[in-house]
Amino acid sequence: MEIKDQVRTLRESTGMNRKEFCTYFGIPYRTMTEWELGHRKLPDYVLRMMTYQVKMEKLDQKGDISNGK
């Protein structure tokens, strides 16, 4: 799975829309959009940190967070 798909899966697993997710993590909306579309590459460590935070705060509503691999 490509990193752009992983970040979208992570966001969708929280049940948040893009705007809510961006507000929660303090990410500019345009940056998130470009990550999800594959126009910019999300750094691997950022995805790992967001995944960790979602797991620790139990935000995963769908149970489908990727393990980053």
PDB file of N, CA and C in Angstrom:
ATOM      1  N   MET A   1       0.847  -1.175   0.000  1.00  0.00           N
ATOM      2  CA  MET A   1       0.000   0.000   0.000  1.00  0.00           C
ATOM      3  C   MET A   1       0.892   1.238   0.000  1.00  0.00           C
ATOM      4  N   GLU A   2       0.575   2.163  -0.869  1.00  0.00           N
ATOM      5  CA  GLU A   2       1.359   3.401  -0.953  1.00  0.00           C
ATOM      6  C   GLU A   2       1.079   4.280   0.261  1.00  0.00           C
ATOM      7  N   ILE A   3       2.039   5.134   0.570  1.00  0.00           N
ATOM      8  CA  ILE A   3       1.916   5.997   1.750  1.00  0.00           C
ATOM      9  C   ILE A   3       0.707   6.922   1.650  1.00  0.00           C
ATOM     10  N   LYS A   4       0.373   7.377   0.453  1.00  0.00           N
ATOM     11  CA  LYS A   4      -0.810   8.235   0.286  1.00  0.00           C
ATOM     12  C   LYS A   4      -2.075   7.480   0.668  1.00  0.00           C
ATOM     13  N   ASP A   5      -2.123   6.193   0.363  1.00  0.00           N
ATOM     14  CA  ASP A   5      -3.279   5.371   0.731  1.00  0.00           C
ATOM     15  C   ASP A   5      -3.302   5.098   2.230  1.00  0.00           C
ATOM     16  N   GLN A   6      -2.122   4.959   2.821  1.00  0.00           N
ATOM     17  CA  GLN A   6      -2.039   4.709   4.252  1.00  0.00           C
ATOM     18  C   GLN A   6      -2.547   5.894   5.057  1.00  0.00           C
ATOM     19  N   VAL A   7      -2.185   7.107   4.643  1.00  0.00           N
ATOM     20  CA  VAL A   7      -2.641   8.287   5.385  1.00  0.00           C
ATOM     21  C   VAL A   7      -4.152   8.469   5.229  1.00  0.00           C
ATOM     22  N   ARG A   8      -4.684   8.175   4.069  1.00  0.00           N
ATOM     23  CA  ARG A   8      -6.135   8.265   3.866  1.00  0.00           C
ATOM     24  C   ARG A   8      -6.849   7.216   4.719  1.00  0.00           C
ATOM     25  N   THR A   9      -6.314   6.003   4.753  1.00  0.00           N
ATOM     26  CA  THR A   9      -6.895   4.939   5.567  1.00  0.00           C
ATOM     27  C   THR A   9      -6.877   5.314   7.041  1.00  0.00           C
ATOM     28  N   LEU A  10      -5.770   5.901   7.487  1.00  0.00           N
ATOM     29  CA  LEU A  10      -5.668   6.339   8.878  1.00  0.00           C
ATOM     30  C   LEU A  10      -6.745   7.379   9.184  1.00  0.00           C
ATOM     31  N   ARG A  11      -6.865   8.383   8.327  1.00  0.00           N
ATOM     32  CA  ARG A  11      -7.865   9.429   8.550  1.00  0.00           C
ATOM     33  C   ARG A  11      -9.271   8.842   8.562  1.00  0.00           C
ATOM     34  N   GLU A  12      -9.568   7.997   7.590  1.00  0.00           N
ATOM     35  CA  GLU A  12     -10.900   7.410   7.502  1.00  0.00           C
ATOM     36  C   GLU A  12     -11.207   6.513   8.694  1.00  0.00           C
ATOM     37  N   SER A  13     -10.192   5.884   9.255  1.00  0.00           N
ATOM     38  CA  SER A  13     -10.404   5.001  10.409  1.00  0.00           C
ATOM     39  C   SER A  13     -10.865   5.776  11.635  1.00  0.00           C
ATOM     40  N   THR A  14     -10.579   7.068  11.675  1.00  0.00           N
ATOM     41  CA  THR A  14     -10.993   7.892  12.812  1.00  0.00           C
ATOM     42  C   THR A  14     -12.420   8.390  12.663  1.00  0.00           C
ATOM     43  N   GLY A  15     -12.962   8.299  11.461  1.00  0.00           N
ATOM     44  CA  GLY A  15     -14.297   8.816  11.198  1.00  0.00           C
ATOM     45  C   GLY A  15     -14.308  10.322  10.978  1.00  0.00           C
ATOM     46  N   MET A  16     -13.116  10.922  10.937  1.00  0.00           N
ATOM     47  CA  MET A  16     -13.018  12.366  10.727  1.00  0.00           C
ATOM     48  C   MET A  16     -12.957  12.673   9.236  1.00  0.00           C
ATOM     49  N   ASN A  17     -13.512  13.830   8.875  1.00  0.00           N
ATOM     50  CA  ASN A  17     -13.303  14.279   7.509  1.00  0.00           C
ATOM     51  C   ASN A  17     -11.925  14.951   7.458  1.00  0.00           C
ATOM     52  N   ARG A  18     -11.532  15.370   6.284  1.00  0.00           N
ATOM     53  CA  ARG A  18     -10.180  15.926   6.123  1.00  0.00           C
ATOM     54  C   ARG A  18      -9.975  17.177   6.982  1.00  0.00           C
ATOM     55  N   LYS A  19     -10.967  18.031   7.027  1.00  0.00           N
ATOM     56  CA  LYS A  19     -10.854  19.268   7.803  1.00  0.00           C
ATOM     57  C   LYS A  19     -10.702  18.977   9.297  1.00  0.00           C
ATOM     58  N   GLU A  20     -11.514  18.080   9.816  1.00  0.00           N
ATOM     59  CA  GLU A  20     -11.439  17.723  11.238  1.00  0.00           C
ATOM     60  C   GLU A  20     -10.084  17.108  11.581  1.00  0.00           C
ATOM     61  N   PHE A  21      -9.602  16.225  10.715  1.00  0.00           N
ATOM     62  CA  PHE A  21      -8.317  15.563  10.925  1.00  0.00           C
ATOM     63  C   PHE A  21      -7.192  16.590  10.940  1.00  0.00           C
ATOM     64  N   CYS A  22      -7.242  17.522  10.008  1.00  0.00           N
ATOM     65  CA  CYS A  22      -6.219  18.568   9.937  1.00  0.00           C
ATOM     66  C   CYS A  22      -6.232  19.439  11.187  1.00  0.00           C
ATOM     67  N   THR A  23      -7.409  19.795  11.637  1.00  0.00           N
ATOM     68  CA  THR A  23      -7.524  20.601  12.849  1.00  0.00           C
ATOM     69  C   THR A  23      -6.990  19.834  14.052  1.00  0.00           C
ATOM     70  N   TYR A  24      -7.325  18.572  14.156  1.00  0.00           N
ATOM     71  CA  TYR A  24      -6.888  17.752  15.280  1.00  0.00           C
ATOM     72  C   TYR A  24      -5.361  17.668  15.357  1.00  0.00           C
ATOM     73  N   PHE A  25      -4.724  17.443  14.204  1.00  0.00           N
ATOM     74  CA  PHE A  25      -3.272  17.269  14.174  1.00  0.00           C
ATOM     75  C   PHE A  25      -2.499  18.557  13.899  1.00  0.00           C
ATOM     76  N   GLY A  26      -3.199  19.649  13.589  1.00  0.00           N
ATOM     77  CA  GLY A  26      -2.514  20.902  13.301  1.00  0.00           C
ATOM     78  C   GLY A  26      -1.791  20.894  11.964  1.00  0.00           C
ATOM     79  N   ILE A  27      -2.384  20.212  10.997  1.00  0.00           N
ATOM     80  CA  ILE A  27      -1.801  20.089   9.655  1.00  0.00           C
ATOM     81  C   ILE A  27      -2.578  21.010   8.725  1.00  0.00           C
ATOM     82  N   PRO A  28      -1.895  21.800   7.895  1.00  0.00           N
ATOM     83  CA  PRO A  28      -2.631  22.615   6.918  1.00  0.00           C
ATOM     84  C   PRO A  28      -3.468  21.732   5.984  1.00  0.00           C
ATOM     85  N   TYR A  29      -4.684  22.181   5.709  1.00  0.00           N
ATOM     86  CA  TYR A  29      -5.611  21.413   4.878  1.00  0.00           C
ATOM     87  C   TYR A  29      -5.008  21.080   3.516  1.00  0.00           C
ATOM     88  N   ARG A  30      -4.366  22.049   2.911  1.00  0.00           N
ATOM     89  CA  ARG A  30      -3.785  21.823   1.580  1.00  0.00           C
ATOM     90  C   ARG A  30      -2.684  20.755   1.629  1.00  0.00           C
ATOM     91  N   THR A  31      -1.889  20.772   2.680  1.00  0.00           N
ATOM     92  CA  THR A  31      -0.837  19.763   2.827  1.00  0.00           C
ATOM     93  C   THR A  31      -1.448  18.372   2.901  1.00  0.00           C
ATOM     94  N   MET A  32      -2.482  18.215   3.721  1.00  0.00           N
ATOM     95  CA  MET A  32      -3.141  16.914   3.859  1.00  0.00           C
ATOM     96  C   MET A  32      -3.725  16.461   2.530  1.00  0.00           C
ATOM     97  N   THR A  33      -4.344  17.390   1.825  1.00  0.00           N
ATOM     98  CA  THR A  33      -4.918  17.074   0.518  1.00  0.00           C
ATOM     99  C   THR A  33      -3.839  16.587  -0.443  1.00  0.00           C
ATOM    100  N   GLU A  34      -2.720  17.274  -0.469  1.00  0.00           N
ATOM    101  CA  GLU A  34      -1.627  16.890  -1.368  1.00  0.00           C
ATOM    102  C   GLU A  34      -1.014  15.554  -0.966  1.00  0.00           C
ATOM    103  N   TRP A  35      -0.969  15.254   0.329  1.00  0.00           N
ATOM    104  CA  TRP A  35      -0.481  13.936   0.773  1.00  0.00           C
ATOM    105  C   TRP A  35      -1.417  12.842   0.280  1.00  0.00           C
ATOM    106  N   GLU A  36      -2.725  13.047   0.454  1.00  0.00           N
ATOM    107  CA  GLU A  36      -3.691  12.024   0.072  1.00  0.00           C
ATOM    108  C   GLU A  36      -3.767  11.829  -1.440  1.00  0.00           C
ATOM    109  N   LEU A  37      -3.513  12.878  -2.192  1.00  0.00           N
ATOM    110  CA  LEU A  37      -3.538  12.762  -3.652  1.00  0.00           C
ATOM    111  C   LEU A  37      -2.215  12.271  -4.222  1.00  0.00           C
ATOM    112  N   GLY A  38      -1.192  12.235  -3.391  1.00  0.00           N
ATOM    113  CA  GLY A  38       0.122  11.777  -3.844  1.00  0.00           C
ATOM    114  C   GLY A  38       0.941  12.854  -4.527  1.00  0.00           C
ATOM    115  N   HIS A  39       0.530  14.114  -4.400  1.00  0.00           N
ATOM    116  CA  HIS A  39       1.288  15.207  -5.002  1.00  0.00           C
ATOM    117  C   HIS A  39       2.511  15.565  -4.173  1.00  0.00           C
ATOM    118  N   ARG A  40       2.439  15.285  -2.872  1.00  0.00           N
ATOM    119  CA  ARG A  40       3.576  15.473  -1.962  1.00  0.00           C
ATOM    120  C   ARG A  40       3.716  14.196  -1.158  1.00  0.00           C
ATOM    121  N   LYS A  41       4.956  13.869  -0.794  1.00  0.00           N
ATOM    122  CA  LYS A  41       5.189  12.650  -0.024  1.00  0.00           C
ATOM    123  C   LYS A  41       5.190  12.970   1.464  1.00  0.00           C
ATOM    124  N   LEU A  42       4.346  12.265   2.164  1.00  0.00           N
ATOM    125  CA  LEU A  42       4.286  12.362   3.614  1.00  0.00           C
ATOM    126  C   LEU A  42       5.511  11.661   4.191  1.00  0.00           C
ATOM    127  N   PRO A  43       6.290  12.320   5.057  1.00  0.00           N
ATOM    128  CA  PRO A  43       7.435  11.645   5.678  1.00  0.00           C
ATOM    129  C   PRO A  43       6.966  10.425   6.478  1.00  0.00           C
ATOM    130  N   ASP A  44       7.691   9.330   6.359  1.00  0.00           N
ATOM    131  CA  ASP A  44       7.318   8.090   7.031  1.00  0.00           C
ATOM    132  C   ASP A  44       7.142   8.280   8.533  1.00  0.00           C
ATOM    133  N   TYR A  45       8.050   9.051   9.144  1.00  0.00           N
ATOM    134  CA  TYR A  45       7.986   9.211  10.595  1.00  0.00           C
ATOM    135  C   TYR A  45       6.724   9.964  11.022  1.00  0.00           C
ATOM    136  N   VAL A  46       6.221  10.867  10.178  1.00  0.00           N
ATOM    137  CA  VAL A  46       5.004  11.602  10.514  1.00  0.00           C
ATOM    138  C   VAL A  46       3.814  10.644  10.513  1.00  0.00           C
ATOM    139  N   LEU A  47       3.746   9.776   9.531  1.00  0.00           N
ATOM    140  CA  LEU A  47       2.671   8.789   9.480  1.00  0.00           C
ATOM    141  C   LEU A  47       2.735   7.876  10.703  1.00  0.00           C
ATOM    142  N   ARG A  48       3.938   7.447  11.070  1.00  0.00           N
ATOM    143  CA  ARG A  48       4.077   6.582  12.254  1.00  0.00           C
ATOM    144  C   ARG A  48       3.606   7.296  13.517  1.00  0.00           C
ATOM    145  N   MET A  49       3.963   8.568  13.662  1.00  0.00           N
ATOM    146  CA  MET A  49       3.557   9.319  14.859  1.00  0.00           C
ATOM    147  C   MET A  49       2.046   9.535  14.889  1.00  0.00           C
ATOM    148  N   MET A  50       1.446   9.839  13.745  1.00  0.00           N
ATOM    149  CA  MET A  50      -0.003  10.024  13.706  1.00  0.00           C
ATOM    150  C   MET A  50      -0.715   8.707  14.013  1.00  0.00           C
ATOM    151  N   THR A  51      -0.221   7.610  13.456  1.00  0.00           N
ATOM    152  CA  THR A  51      -0.812   6.298  13.710  1.00  0.00           C
ATOM    153  C   THR A  51      -0.735   5.961  15.194  1.00  0.00           C
ATOM    154  N   TYR A  52       0.419   6.229  15.799  1.00  0.00           N
ATOM    155  CA  TYR A  52       0.602   5.973  17.225  1.00  0.00           C
ATOM    156  C   TYR A  52      -0.381   6.788  18.052  1.00  0.00           C
ATOM    157  N   GLN A  53      -0.520   8.067  17.737  1.00  0.00           N
ATOM    158  CA  GLN A  53      -1.429   8.925  18.494  1.00  0.00           C
ATOM    159  C   GLN A  53      -2.871   8.461  18.352  1.00  0.00           C
ATOM    160  N   VAL A  54      -3.265   8.091  17.149  1.00  0.00           N
ATOM    161  CA  VAL A  54      -4.626   7.603  16.930  1.00  0.00           C
ATOM    162  C   VAL A  54      -4.869   6.345  17.762  1.00  0.00           C
ATOM    163  N   LYS A  55      -3.903   5.441  17.793  1.00  0.00           N
ATOM    164  CA  LYS A  55      -4.048   4.211  18.578  1.00  0.00           C
ATOM    165  C   LYS A  55      -4.099   4.506  20.072  1.00  0.00           C
ATOM    166  N   MET A  56      -3.201   5.367  20.558  1.00  0.00           N
ATOM    167  CA  MET A  56      -3.126   5.654  21.991  1.00  0.00           C
ATOM    168  C   MET A  56      -4.359   6.408  22.491  1.00  0.00           C
ATOM    169  N   GLU A  57      -4.929   7.250  21.657  1.00  0.00           N
ATOM    170  CA  GLU A  57      -6.104   8.016  22.055  1.00  0.00           C
ATOM    171  C   GLU A  57      -7.398   7.320  21.649  1.00  0.00           C
ATOM    172  N   LYS A  58      -7.231   6.096  21.126  1.00  0.00           N
ATOM    173  CA  LYS A  58      -8.372   5.250  20.762  1.00  0.00           C
ATOM    174  C   LYS A  58      -9.352   5.970  19.825  1.00  0.00           C
ATOM    175  N   LEU A  59      -8.801   6.604  18.816  1.00  0.00           N
ATOM    176  CA  LEU A  59      -9.619   7.317  17.831  1.00  0.00           C
ATOM    177  C   LEU A  59     -10.024   6.418  16.666  1.00  0.00           C
ATOM    178  N   ASP A  60      -9.428   5.221  16.597  1.00  0.00           N
ATOM    179  CA  ASP A  60      -9.697   4.302  15.492  1.00  0.00           C
ATOM    180  C   ASP A  60     -11.088   3.694  15.655  1.00  0.00           C
ATOM    181  N   GLN A  61     -12.038   4.185  14.890  1.00  0.00           N
ATOM    182  CA  GLN A  61     -13.418   3.725  15.005  1.00  0.00           C
ATOM    183  C   GLN A  61     -13.689   2.479  14.181  1.00  0.00           C
ATOM    184  N   LYS A  62     -12.920   2.292  13.124  1.00  0.00           N
ATOM    185  CA  LYS A  62     -13.200   1.196  12.204  1.00  0.00           C
ATOM    186  C   LYS A  62     -12.266   0.002  12.407  1.00  0.00           C
ATOM    187  N   GLY A  63     -11.202   0.167  13.170  1.00  0.00           N
ATOM    188  CA  GLY A  63     -10.290  -0.938  13.411  1.00  0.00           C
ATOM    189  C   GLY A  63      -9.437  -1.298  12.220  1.00  0.00           C
ATOM    190  N   ASP A  64      -9.200  -0.353  11.294  1.00  0.00           N
ATOM    191  CA  ASP A  64      -8.436  -0.682  10.099  1.00  0.00           C
ATOM    192  C   ASP A  64      -7.192   0.183   9.914  1.00  0.00           C
ATOM    193  N   ILE A  65      -6.576   0.593  11.010  1.00  0.00           N
ATOM    194  CA  ILE A  65      -5.331   1.361  10.903  1.00  0.00           C
ATOM    195  C   ILE A  65      -4.241   0.450  10.357  1.00  0.00           C
ATOM    196  N   SER A  66      -3.537   0.967   9.357  1.00  0.00           N
ATOM    197  CA  SER A  66      -2.417   0.188   8.835  1.00  0.00           C
ATOM    198  C   SER A  66      -1.276   0.250   9.823  1.00  0.00           C
ATOM    199  N   ASN A  67      -0.409  -0.727   9.767  1.00  0.00           N
ATOM    200  CA  ASN A  67       0.732  -0.745  10.667  1.00  0.00           C
ATOM    201  C   ASN A  67       1.911  -0.018  10.063  1.00  0.00           C
ATOM    202  N   GLY A  68       1.695   0.708   8.986  1.00  0.00           N
ATOM    203  CA  GLY A  68       2.763   1.489   8.368  1.00  0.00           C
ATOM    204  C   GLY A  68       3.651   0.685   7.440  1.00  0.00           C
ATOM    205  N   LYS A  69       3.253  -0.548   7.166  1.00  0.00           N
ATOM    206  CA  LYS A  69       4.069  -1.394   6.286  1.00  0.00           C
ATOM    207  C   LYS A  69       3.246  -1.903   5.139  1.00  0.00           C
TER     208      LYS A  69
END
